[in-house]
C-alpha atoms as a PDB file:
ATOM      1  CA  MET A   1     -37.555  26.615  57.786  1.00  0.00           C
ATOM      2  CA  ALA A   2     -33.997  27.977  57.526  1.00  0.00           C
ATOM      3  CA  ARG A   3     -32.985  26.226  60.739  1.00  0.00           C
ATOM      4  CA  GLY A   4     -34.362  22.935  59.414  1.00  0.00           C
ATOM      5  CA  ALA A   5     -32.453  23.336  56.141  1.00  0.00           C
ATOM      6  CA  VAL A   6     -29.233  24.016  58.034  1.00  0.00           C
ATOM      7  CA  ALA A   7     -29.802  20.900  60.157  1.00  0.00           C
ATOM      8  CA  VAL A   8     -30.325  18.785  57.032  1.00  0.00           C
ATOM      9  CA  LEU A   9     -27.158  20.158  55.433  1.00  0.00           C
ATOM     10  CA  ARG A  10     -25.200  19.488  58.621  1.00  0.00           C
ATOM     11  CA  MET A  11     -26.429  15.887  58.699  1.00  0.00           C
ATOM     12  CA  CYS A  12     -25.552  15.536  55.012  1.00  0.00           C
ATOM     13  CA  TRP A  13     -22.026  16.714  55.781  1.00  0.00           C
ATOM     14  CA  VAL A  14     -21.702  14.169  58.597  1.00  0.00           C
ATOM     15  CA  GLN A  15     -23.144  11.392  56.416  1.00  0.00           C
ATOM     16  CA  ALA A  16     -20.680  12.231  53.641  1.00  0.00           C
ATOM     17  CA  ARG A  17     -17.812  11.718  56.137  1.00  0.00           C
ATOM     18  CA  PRO A  18     -15.855  14.956  56.699  1.00  0.00           C
ATOM     19  CA  GLU A  19     -12.514  13.142  56.827  1.00  0.00           C
ATOM     20  CA  VAL A  20     -13.124  11.836  53.305  1.00  0.00           C
ATOM     21  CA  GLN A  21     -14.228  15.260  52.049  1.00  0.00           C
ATOM     22  CA  VAL A  22     -11.018  16.770  53.410  1.00  0.00           C
ATOM     23  CA  VAL A  23      -8.734  14.239  51.741  1.00  0.00           C
ATOM     24  CA  PHE A  24     -10.506  14.711  48.404  1.00  0.00           C
ATOM     25  CA  ALA A  25      -9.830  18.450  48.728  1.00  0.00           C
ATOM     26  CA  LEU A  26      -6.173  17.657  49.425  1.00  0.00           C
ATOM     27  CA  ARG A  27      -5.997  15.374  46.371  1.00  0.00           C
ATOM     28  CA  PHE A  28      -7.449  18.156  44.262  1.00  0.00           C
ATOM     29  CA  ALA A  29      -4.910  20.624  45.670  1.00  0.00           C
ATOM     30  CA  VAL A  30      -1.999  18.293  44.909  1.00  0.00           C
ATOM     31  CA  GLY A  31      -3.166  17.979  41.309  1.00  0.00           C
ATOM     32  CA  GLY A  32      -3.561  21.740  41.021  1.00  0.00           C
ATOM     33  CA  LEU A  33      -0.144  22.542  42.452  1.00  0.00           C
ATOM     34  CA  VAL A  34       1.677  19.947  40.347  1.00  0.00           C
ATOM     35  CA  GLY A  35      -0.150  21.320  37.308  1.00  0.00           C
ATOM     36  CA  ALA A  36       0.866  24.930  37.953  1.00  0.00           C
ATOM     37  CA  ASP A  37       1.977  26.126  34.514  1.00  0.00           C
ATOM     38  CA  GLY A  38       5.401  27.767  34.719  1.00  0.00           C
ATOM     39  CA  GLY A  39       5.168  28.038  38.484  1.00  0.00           C
ATOM     40  CA  VAL A  40       2.074  30.261  38.303  1.00  0.00           C
ATOM     41  CA  VAL A  41      -1.111  29.034  39.982  1.00  0.00           C
ATOM     42  CA  ASP A  42      -4.416  30.519  38.847  1.00  0.00           C
ATOM     43  CA  VAL A  43      -5.668  30.797  42.431  1.00  0.00           C
ATOM     44  CA  PRO A  44      -9.238  32.028  41.723  1.00  0.00           C
ATOM     45  CA  ARG A  45      -9.742  29.297  39.117  1.00  0.00           C
ATOM     46  CA  LEU A  46      -8.291  26.675  41.454  1.00  0.00           C
ATOM     47  CA  LEU A  47     -10.581  27.781  44.306  1.00  0.00           C
ATOM     48  CA  VAL A  48     -13.671  27.729  42.077  1.00  0.00           C
ATOM     49  CA  GLY A  49     -12.657  24.286  40.877  1.00  0.00           C
ATOM     50  CA  ALA A  50     -12.176  23.101  44.454  1.00  0.00           C
ATOM     51  CA  LEU A  51     -15.672  24.277  45.440  1.00  0.00           C
ATOM     52  CA  VAL A  52     -17.157  22.585  42.384  1.00  0.00           C
ATOM     53  CA  TRP A  53     -15.317  19.368  43.178  1.00  0.00           C
ATOM     54  CA  ALA A  54     -16.465  19.510  46.796  1.00  0.00           C
ATOM     55  CA  CYS A  55     -20.068  19.596  45.545  1.00  0.00           C
ATOM     56  CA  ALA A  56     -19.412  16.586  43.311  1.00  0.00           C
ATOM     57  CA  VAL A  57     -17.789  14.604  46.132  1.00  0.00           C
ATOM     58  CA  LEU A  58     -20.638  15.489  48.503  1.00  0.00           C
ATOM     59  CA  ALA A  59     -23.181  14.273  45.943  1.00  0.00           C
ATOM     60  CA  VAL A  60     -21.362  10.994  45.345  1.00  0.00           C
ATOM     61  CA  TYR A  61     -20.957  10.173  49.042  1.00  0.00           C
ATOM     62  CA  LEU A  62     -24.543  11.076  49.887  1.00  0.00           C
ATOM     63  CA  LEU A  63     -25.731   8.770  47.122  1.00  0.00           C
ATOM     64  CA  ASN A  64     -23.475   6.075  48.504  1.00  0.00           C
ATOM     65  CA  GLY A  65     -24.859   6.628  51.993  1.00  0.00           C
ATOM     66  CA  VAL A  66     -28.411   6.103  50.743  1.00  0.00           C
ATOM     67  CA  SER A  67     -27.428   2.936  48.888  1.00  0.00           C
ATOM     68  CA  ASP A  68     -25.538   1.626  51.942  1.00  0.00           C
ATOM     69  CA  ALA A  69     -28.543   1.883  54.271  1.00  0.00           C
ATOM     70  CA  VAL A  70     -28.836  -1.889  54.811  1.00  0.00           C
ATOM     71  CA  GLU A  71     -25.192  -2.598  55.555  1.00  0.00           C
ATOM     72  CA  ASP A  72     -24.698   0.631  57.528  1.00  0.00           C
ATOM     73  CA  SER A  73     -27.614  -0.281  59.795  1.00  0.00           C
ATOM     74  CA  ILE A  74     -25.334  -3.102  60.982  1.00  0.00           C
ATOM     75  CA  ASN A  75     -21.815  -1.773  60.367  1.00  0.00           C
ATOM     76  CA  LYS A  76     -22.220   1.974  61.005  1.00  0.00           C
ATOM     77  CA  PRO A  77     -25.565   2.444  62.811  1.00  0.00           C
ATOM     78  CA  THR A  78     -24.637   5.895  64.175  1.00  0.00           C
ATOM     79  CA  ARG A  79     -24.370   7.514  60.744  1.00  0.00           C
ATOM     80  CA  PRO A  80     -27.270   9.916  60.086  1.00  0.00           C
ATOM     81  CA  ILE A  81     -29.169   7.821  57.512  1.00  0.00           C
ATOM     82  CA  PRO A  82     -29.188   4.489  59.395  1.00  0.00           C
ATOM     83  CA  ALA A  83     -29.700   6.369  62.678  1.00  0.00           C
ATOM     84  CA  GLY A  84     -32.813   8.053  61.251  1.00  0.00           C
ATOM     85  CA  THR A  85     -31.592  11.638  61.708  1.00  0.00           C
ATOM     86  CA  LEU A  86     -31.341  12.131  57.930  1.00  0.00           C
ATOM     87  CA  GLY A  87     -34.035  10.873  55.598  1.00  0.00           C
ATOM     88  CA  ALA A  88     -33.067   9.159  52.365  1.00  0.00           C
ATOM     89  CA  ALA A  89     -35.280  11.524  50.354  1.00  0.00           C
ATOM     90  CA  ALA A  90     -33.584  14.582  51.857  1.00  0.00           C
ATOM     91  CA  ALA A  91     -30.147  13.113  51.172  1.00  0.00           C
ATOM     92  CA  ILE A  92     -31.072  12.370  47.553  1.00  0.00           C
ATOM     93  CA  GLY A  93     -32.430  15.906  47.154  1.00  0.00           C
ATOM     94  CA  VAL A  94     -29.217  17.463  48.443  1.00  0.00           C
ATOM     95  CA  ALA A  95     -27.152  15.092  46.278  1.00  0.00           C
ATOM     96  CA  ALA A  96     -29.134  16.121  43.194  1.00  0.00           C
ATOM     97  CA  ALA A  97     -28.695  19.818  44.004  1.00  0.00           C
ATOM     98  CA  ALA A  98     -24.972  19.339  44.626  1.00  0.00           C
ATOM     99  CA  SER A  99     -24.610  17.474  41.309  1.00  0.00           C
ATOM    100  CA  LEU A 100     -26.352  20.307  39.475  1.00  0.00           C
ATOM    101  CA  LEU A 101     -24.182  22.931  41.172  1.00  0.00           C
ATOM    102  CA  ALA A 102     -21.066  20.926  40.334  1.00  0.00           C
ATOM    103  CA  SER A 103     -22.033  20.594  36.672  1.00  0.00           C
ATOM    104  CA  LEU A 104     -22.924  24.275  36.276  1.00  0.00           C
ATOM    105  CA  GLY A 105     -19.916  25.460  38.254  1.00  0.00           C
ATOM    106  CA  ALA A 106     -17.588  23.298  36.175  1.00  0.00           C
ATOM    107  CA  LEU A 107     -18.502  25.392  33.138  1.00  0.00           C
ATOM    108  CA  LEU A 108     -16.752  28.337  34.806  1.00  0.00           C
ATOM    109  CA  VAL A 109     -13.496  26.386  34.953  1.00  0.00           C
ATOM    110  CA  GLY A 110     -13.469  24.946  31.443  1.00  0.00           C
ATOM    111  CA  THR A 111     -14.628  22.205  29.104  1.00  0.00           C
ATOM    112  CA  ARG A 112     -12.061  19.618  30.199  1.00  0.00           C
ATOM    113  CA  PHE A 113     -12.952  20.259  33.812  1.00  0.00           C
ATOM    114  CA  LEU A 114     -16.645  19.812  33.028  1.00  0.00           C
ATOM    115  CA  VAL A 115     -15.925  16.468  31.360  1.00  0.00           C
ATOM    116  CA  LEU A 116     -13.944  15.295  34.406  1.00  0.00           C
ATOM    117  CA  THR A 117     -16.735  16.435  36.732  1.00  0.00           C
ATOM    118  CA  VAL A 118     -19.342  14.494  34.772  1.00  0.00           C
ATOM    119  CA  VAL A 119     -17.075  11.431  34.682  1.00  0.00           C
ATOM    120  CA  PHE A 120     -16.661  11.598  38.465  1.00  0.00           C
ATOM    121  CA  LEU A 121     -20.421  11.853  39.009  1.00  0.00           C
ATOM    122  CA  VAL A 122     -21.044   8.939  36.636  1.00  0.00           C
ATOM    123  CA  LEU A 123     -18.447   6.849  38.473  1.00  0.00           C
ATOM    124  CA  GLY A 124     -20.205   7.639  41.753  1.00  0.00           C
ATOM    125  CA  CYS A 125     -23.538   6.509  40.336  1.00  0.00           C
ATOM    126  CA  ALA A 126     -21.987   3.367  38.864  1.00  0.00           C
ATOM    127  CA  TYR A 127     -20.479   2.539  42.259  1.00  0.00           C
ATOM    128  CA  SER A 128     -23.685   2.872  44.270  1.00  0.00           C
ATOM    129  CA  VAL A 129     -26.833   2.791  42.143  1.00  0.00           C
ATOM    130  CA  PRO A 130     -28.553  -0.419  40.954  1.00  0.00           C
ATOM    131  CA  PRO A 131     -28.608  -2.177  38.593  1.00  0.00           C
ATOM    132  CA  VAL A 132     -24.883  -1.489  38.129  1.00  0.00           C
ATOM    133  CA  ALA A 133     -23.794  -0.916  41.761  1.00  0.00           C
ATOM    134  CA  VAL A 134     -20.241  -2.157  41.273  1.00  0.00           C
ATOM    135  CA  LYS A 135     -19.668  -1.788  45.024  1.00  0.00           C
ATOM    136  CA  ARG A 136     -21.123  -5.294  45.340  1.00  0.00           C
ATOM    137  CA  SER A 137     -17.938  -6.879  43.954  1.00  0.00           C
ATOM    138  CA  ALA A 138     -14.306  -6.408  44.940  1.00  0.00           C
ATOM    139  CA  PRO A 139     -12.935  -5.887  41.390  1.00  0.00           C
ATOM    140  CA  GLY A 140     -15.652  -3.358  40.571  1.00  0.00           C
ATOM    141  CA  SER A 141     -15.094  -1.422  43.788  1.00  0.00           C
ATOM    142  CA  VAL A 142     -11.335  -1.257  43.300  1.00  0.00           C
ATOM    143  CA  ALA A 143     -11.651  -0.173  39.655  1.00  0.00           C
ATOM    144  CA  VAL A 144     -14.106   2.653  40.355  1.00  0.00           C
ATOM    145  CA  VAL A 145     -12.210   3.892  43.421  1.00  0.00           C
ATOM    146  CA  LEU A 146      -8.982   3.918  41.397  1.00  0.00           C
ATOM    147  CA  ALA A 147     -10.615   5.804  38.528  1.00  0.00           C
ATOM    148  CA  GLY A 148     -12.277   8.298  40.880  1.00  0.00           C
ATOM    149  CA  GLY A 149      -8.952   9.054  42.508  1.00  0.00           C
ATOM    150  CA  VAL A 150      -7.112   9.634  39.233  1.00  0.00           C
ATOM    151  CA  VAL A 151      -9.943  11.829  37.921  1.00  0.00           C
ATOM    152  CA  THR A 152      -9.730  13.979  41.070  1.00  0.00           C
ATOM    153  CA  TYR A 153      -6.019  14.685  40.601  1.00  0.00           C
ATOM    154  CA  LEU A 154      -6.587  15.413  36.909  1.00  0.00           C
ATOM    155  CA  ALA A 155      -9.406  17.820  37.794  1.00  0.00           C
ATOM    156  CA  GLY A 156      -7.077  19.693  40.132  1.00  0.00           C
ATOM    157  CA  PHE A 157      -4.449  19.669  37.389  1.00  0.00           C
ATOM    158  CA  CYS A 158      -6.894  21.274  34.930  1.00  0.00           C
ATOM    159  CA  ALA A 159      -8.037  23.896  37.432  1.00  0.00           C
ATOM    160  CA  GLY A 160      -4.506  24.774  38.520  1.00  0.00           C
ATOM    161  CA  GLY A 161      -3.210  25.639  35.080  1.00  0.00           C
ATOM    162  CA  GLY A 162      -2.806  22.333  33.286  1.00  0.00           C
ATOM    163  CA  GLY A 163       0.916  22.408  32.529  1.00  0.00           C
ATOM    164  CA  GLU A 164       2.874  19.290  31.596  1.00  0.00           C
ATOM    165  CA  LEU A 165       0.742  16.188  32.183  1.00  0.00           C
ATOM    166  CA  GLY A 166       3.508  13.690  32.970  1.00  0.00           C
ATOM    167  CA  PRO A 167       4.450  14.856  36.490  1.00  0.00           C
ATOM    168  CA  VAL A 168       0.888  14.837  37.836  1.00  0.00           C
ATOM    169  CA  LEU A 169       0.403  11.226  36.757  1.00  0.00           C
ATOM    170  CA  VAL A 170       3.000  10.075  39.305  1.00  0.00           C
ATOM    171  CA  PRO A 171       1.083  11.081  42.468  1.00  0.00           C
ATOM    172  CA  ALA A 172      -2.272  10.586  40.719  1.00  0.00           C
ATOM    173  CA  VAL A 173      -1.642   6.937  39.907  1.00  0.00           C
ATOM    174  CA  ALA A 174       0.362   6.062  43.023  1.00  0.00           C
ATOM    175  CA  LEU A 175      -1.949   7.672  45.570  1.00  0.00           C
ATOM    176  CA  SER A 176      -5.053   6.409  43.775  1.00  0.00           C
ATOM    177  CA  CYS A 177      -3.573   2.900  43.968  1.00  0.00           C
ATOM    178  CA  TRP A 178      -3.085   3.494  47.700  1.00  0.00           C
ATOM    179  CA  MET A 179      -6.734   4.503  47.862  1.00  0.00           C
ATOM    180  CA  ALA A 180      -8.029   1.540  45.825  1.00  0.00           C
ATOM    181  CA  GLY A 181      -5.615  -1.257  46.651  1.00  0.00           C
ATOM    182  CA  VAL A 182      -5.243  -0.490  50.353  1.00  0.00           C
ATOM    183  CA  GLY A 183      -8.093   1.702  51.599  1.00  0.00           C
ATOM    184  CA  ALA A 184     -10.975   0.203  49.642  1.00  0.00           C
ATOM    185  CA  LEU A 185     -10.047  -3.303  50.788  1.00  0.00           C
ATOM    186  CA  ALA A 186      -9.035  -2.433  54.360  1.00  0.00           C
ATOM    187  CA  LYS A 187     -12.334  -0.596  54.914  1.00  0.00           C
ATOM    188  CA  ASP A 188     -14.259  -3.826  54.395  1.00  0.00           C
ATOM    189  CA  LEU A 189     -12.374  -5.798  57.051  1.00  0.00           C
ATOM    190  CA  SER A 190     -14.641  -4.577  59.845  1.00  0.00           C
ATOM    191  CA  ASP A 191     -17.813  -4.532  57.739  1.00  0.00           C
ATOM    192  CA  THR A 192     -18.254  -8.177  56.774  1.00  0.00           C
ATOM    193  CA  ARG A 193     -21.442  -8.767  58.773  1.00  0.00           C
ATOM    194  CA  GLY A 194     -23.371  -5.908  57.196  1.00  0.00           C
ATOM    195  CA  ASP A 195     -21.864  -6.453  53.742  1.00  0.00           C
ATOM    196  CA  ARG A 196     -22.882 -10.105  53.803  1.00  0.00           C
ATOM    197  CA  ALA A 197     -26.418  -9.142  54.853  1.00  0.00           C
ATOM    198  CA  ALA A 198     -26.610  -6.681  51.938  1.00  0.00           C
ATOM    199  CA  GLY A 199     -25.372  -9.272  49.447  1.00  0.00           C
ATOM    200  CA  ARG A 200     -22.025  -7.620  48.790  1.00  0.00           C
ATOM    201  CA  ARG A 201     -19.201  -9.888  47.656  1.00  0.00           C
ATOM    202  CA  THR A 202     -16.260  -7.932  49.023  1.00  0.00           C
ATOM    203  CA  LEU A 203     -12.854  -9.531  49.326  1.00  0.00           C
ATOM    204  CA  ALA A 204     -13.249  -9.720  53.107  1.00  0.00           C
ATOM    205  CA  VAL A 205     -16.587 -11.537  52.705  1.00  0.00           C
ATOM    206  CA  ARG A 206     -15.254 -13.967  50.097  1.00  0.00           C
ATOM    207  CA  TRP A 207     -11.788 -14.660  51.463  1.00  0.00           C
ATOM    208  CA  GLY A 208     -12.094 -13.799  55.137  1.00  0.00           C
ATOM    209  CA  PRO A 209     -10.142 -11.194  57.126  1.00  0.00           C
ATOM    210  CA  GLY A 210      -6.871 -13.137  57.324  1.00  0.00           C
ATOM    211  CA  ARG A 211      -6.263 -13.510  53.598  1.00  0.00           C
ATOM    212  CA  THR A 212      -7.617 -10.034  52.919  1.00  0.00           C
ATOM    213  CA  ARG A 213      -5.100  -8.524  55.357  1.00  0.00           C
ATOM    214  CA  LEU A 214      -2.310 -10.271  53.450  1.00  0.00           C
ATOM    215  CA  VAL A 215      -3.552  -8.752  50.185  1.00  0.00           C
ATOM    216  CA  VAL A 216      -3.822  -5.312  51.803  1.00  0.00           C
ATOM    217  CA  SER A 217      -0.294  -5.613  53.217  1.00  0.00           C
ATOM    218  CA  GLY A 218       1.130  -6.713  49.872  1.00  0.00           C
ATOM    219  CA  ASN A 219      -0.625  -3.902  48.028  1.00  0.00           C
ATOM    220  CA  ALA A 220       0.559  -1.362  50.594  1.00  0.00           C
ATOM    221  CA  LEU A 221       4.184  -2.414  50.155  1.00  0.00           C
ATOM    222  CA  LEU A 222       3.906  -2.377  46.354  1.00  0.00           C
ATOM    223  CA  VAL A 223       2.441   1.127  46.360  1.00  0.00           C
ATOM    224  CA  GLY A 224       4.782   2.459  49.042  1.00  0.00           C
ATOM    225  CA  VAL A 225       7.970   1.196  47.403  1.00  0.00           C
ATOM    226  CA  GLY A 226       6.759   1.958  43.877  1.00  0.00           C
ATOM    227  CA  PHE A 227       5.784   5.541  44.692  1.00  0.00           C
ATOM    228  CA  PHE A 228       9.069   6.203  46.472  1.00  0.00           C
ATOM    229  CA  VAL A 229      11.156   4.838  43.591  1.00  0.00           C
ATOM    230  CA  ALA A 230       9.076   6.755  41.033  1.00  0.00           C
ATOM    231  CA  VAL A 231       9.524  10.135  42.717  1.00  0.00           C
ATOM    232  CA  LEU A 232      13.245   9.547  43.218  1.00  0.00           C
ATOM    233  CA  TRP A 233      13.493   8.901  39.498  1.00  0.00           C
ATOM    234  CA  CYS A 234      11.323  11.637  38.014  1.00  0.00           C
ATOM    235  CA  LEU A 235       9.667  13.893  40.644  1.00  0.00           C
ATOM    236  CA  PRO A 236      12.032  14.416  43.615  1.00  0.00           C
ATOM    237  CA  VAL A 237       9.975  17.330  44.954  1.00  0.00           C
ATOM    238  CA  LEU A 238       7.545  14.715  46.303  1.00  0.00           C
ATOM    239  CA  VAL A 239      10.134  12.554  48.060  1.00  0.00           C
ATOM    240  CA  LEU A 240       8.856  13.548  51.529  1.00  0.00           C
ATOM    241  CA  PRO A 241       5.185  12.599  50.937  1.00  0.00           C
ATOM    242  CA  ALA A 242       6.362   9.421  49.208  1.00  0.00           C
ATOM    243  CA  GLY A 243       8.387   8.666  52.315  1.00  0.00           C
ATOM    244  CA  VAL A 244       5.257   9.120  54.433  1.00  0.00           C
ATOM    245  CA  VAL A 245       3.406   6.602  52.256  1.00  0.00           C
ATOM    246  CA  LEU A 246       6.304   4.154  52.490  1.00  0.00           C
ATOM    247  CA  VAL A 247       6.322   4.397  56.297  1.00  0.00           C
ATOM    248  CA  GLY A 248       2.549   3.892  56.322  1.00  0.00           C
ATOM    249  CA  ALA A 249       2.915   0.853  54.084  1.00  0.00           C
ATOM    250  CA  LEU A 250       5.482  -0.659  56.425  1.00  0.00           C
ATOM    251  CA  CYS A 251       3.141  -0.031  59.372  1.00  0.00           C
ATOM    252  CA  VAL A 252       0.258  -1.747  57.557  1.00  0.00           C
ATOM    253  CA  ALA A 253       2.446  -4.739  56.704  1.00  0.00           C
ATOM    254  CA  ALA A 254       3.876  -4.970  60.227  1.00  0.00           C
ATOM    255  CA  ARG A 255       0.424  -4.425  61.801  1.00  0.00           C
ATOM    256  CA  VAL A 256       1.701  -1.428  63.752  1.00  0.00           C
ATOM    257  CA  GLY A 257      -0.363   1.648  64.574  1.00  0.00           C
ATOM    258  CA  GLY A 258      -3.816   0.111  64.737  1.00  0.00           C
ATOM    259  CA  PRO A 259      -6.216  -1.496  62.257  1.00  0.00           C
ATOM    260  CA  PRO A 260      -5.145  -1.308  58.587  1.00  0.00           C
ATOM    261  CA  TYR A 261      -7.868   1.168  57.625  1.00  0.00           C
ATOM    262  CA  ARG A 262      -6.909   3.570  60.408  1.00  0.00           C
ATOM    263  CA  VAL A 263      -3.255   3.449  59.335  1.00  0.00           C
ATOM    264  CA  TYR A 264      -4.332   3.938  55.729  1.00  0.00           C
ATOM    265  CA  MET A 265      -6.383   7.038  56.579  1.00  0.00           C
ATOM    266  CA  ARG A 266      -3.687   8.602  58.746  1.00  0.00           C
ATOM    267  CA  THR A 267      -1.099   7.925  56.070  1.00  0.00           C
ATOM    268  CA  GLN A 268      -3.083   9.418  53.207  1.00  0.00           C
ATOM    269  CA  HIS A 269      -3.958  12.548  55.180  1.00  0.00           C
ATOM    270  CA  ALA A 270      -0.357  13.038  56.307  1.00  0.00           C
ATOM    271  CA  ALA A 271       1.065  12.356  52.841  1.00  0.00           C
ATOM    272  CA  HIS A 272      -1.271  14.838  51.173  1.00  0.00           C
ATOM    273  CA  VAL A 273      -0.685  17.566  53.766  1.00  0.00           C
ATOM    274  CA  VAL A 274       3.076  17.164  53.308  1.00  0.00           C
ATOM    275  CA  ALA A 275       2.657  17.108  49.515  1.00  0.00           C
ATOM    276  CA  VAL A 276       0.654  20.340  49.524  1.00  0.00           C
ATOM    277  CA  ALA A 277       3.233  21.987  51.788  1.00  0.00           C
ATOM    278  CA  VAL A 278       6.270  21.049  49.688  1.00  0.00           C
ATOM    279  CA  LEU A 279       4.496  21.935  46.438  1.00  0.00           C
ATOM    280  CA  VAL A 280       3.497  25.372  47.761  1.00  0.00           C
ATOM    281  CA  VAL A 281       7.111  25.992  48.756  1.00  0.00           C
ATOM    282  CA  ALA A 282       8.282  24.824  45.321  1.00  0.00           C
ATOM    283  CA  VAL A 283       5.807  27.088  43.493  1.00  0.00           C
ATOM    284  CA  VAL A 284       6.734  30.120  45.621  1.00  0.00           C
ATOM    285  CA  ALA A 285      10.444  29.459  45.098  1.00  0.00           C
ATOM    286  CA  ARG A 286      10.176  29.389  41.269  1.00  0.00           C
END
């Protein structure tokens, strides 16, 4: 029994895409470190918040995996649900349990954090679950991904101490735009066959890969340059991670370093790791 439960949880973790879970944790950490009030981080509260947020992210991505069964059977057939190694009912059960844990755990962090947790879970449902399922259209997908990113940084901000709001909005908005305007669109470039079969009207399905790549490149440059200028102006501590994003944007536009989505993922992981490092140094030095 216990061994079977562990196997199900392991498959749920794989289905929820570990690389995505990690970057959400990094986003949360960036929000928490920027929000450190007076240079003091409430570490226990931040860690509890991070665990709660991990449960919420797991729930959202499991729900998405269940709803993506048709397109993933064509686009990503080796993932546990389309491969048959994880049943949809089991995934939904774990998602429900994770949502409950997230909601209850959020109470330990605070009321604002609970509100943000509920908002994130609602956004996840709106993205994946019919009859809303905004994932079926490009504008809906981009809007929900953008909102989910910003909410994650704000949740970290609340858990980390919730100091001055202004500074956290710079990475929250810029890196969420990178997530929505670059990643969400680039991801669909290789998935057109399955998305078309599932009735999704992504930008890549509607406009084709060529025009979509141009949009992705333009968005990448806008975000990369905009983020770099913004941190130079009002948050110089983040100039290094902003530089990483700018280099990634140039690589996407120049088609260097592999497919756009791969460059996007490498860039966001590198930028967040650098951001966490420089923010930790800044907090310790205060």
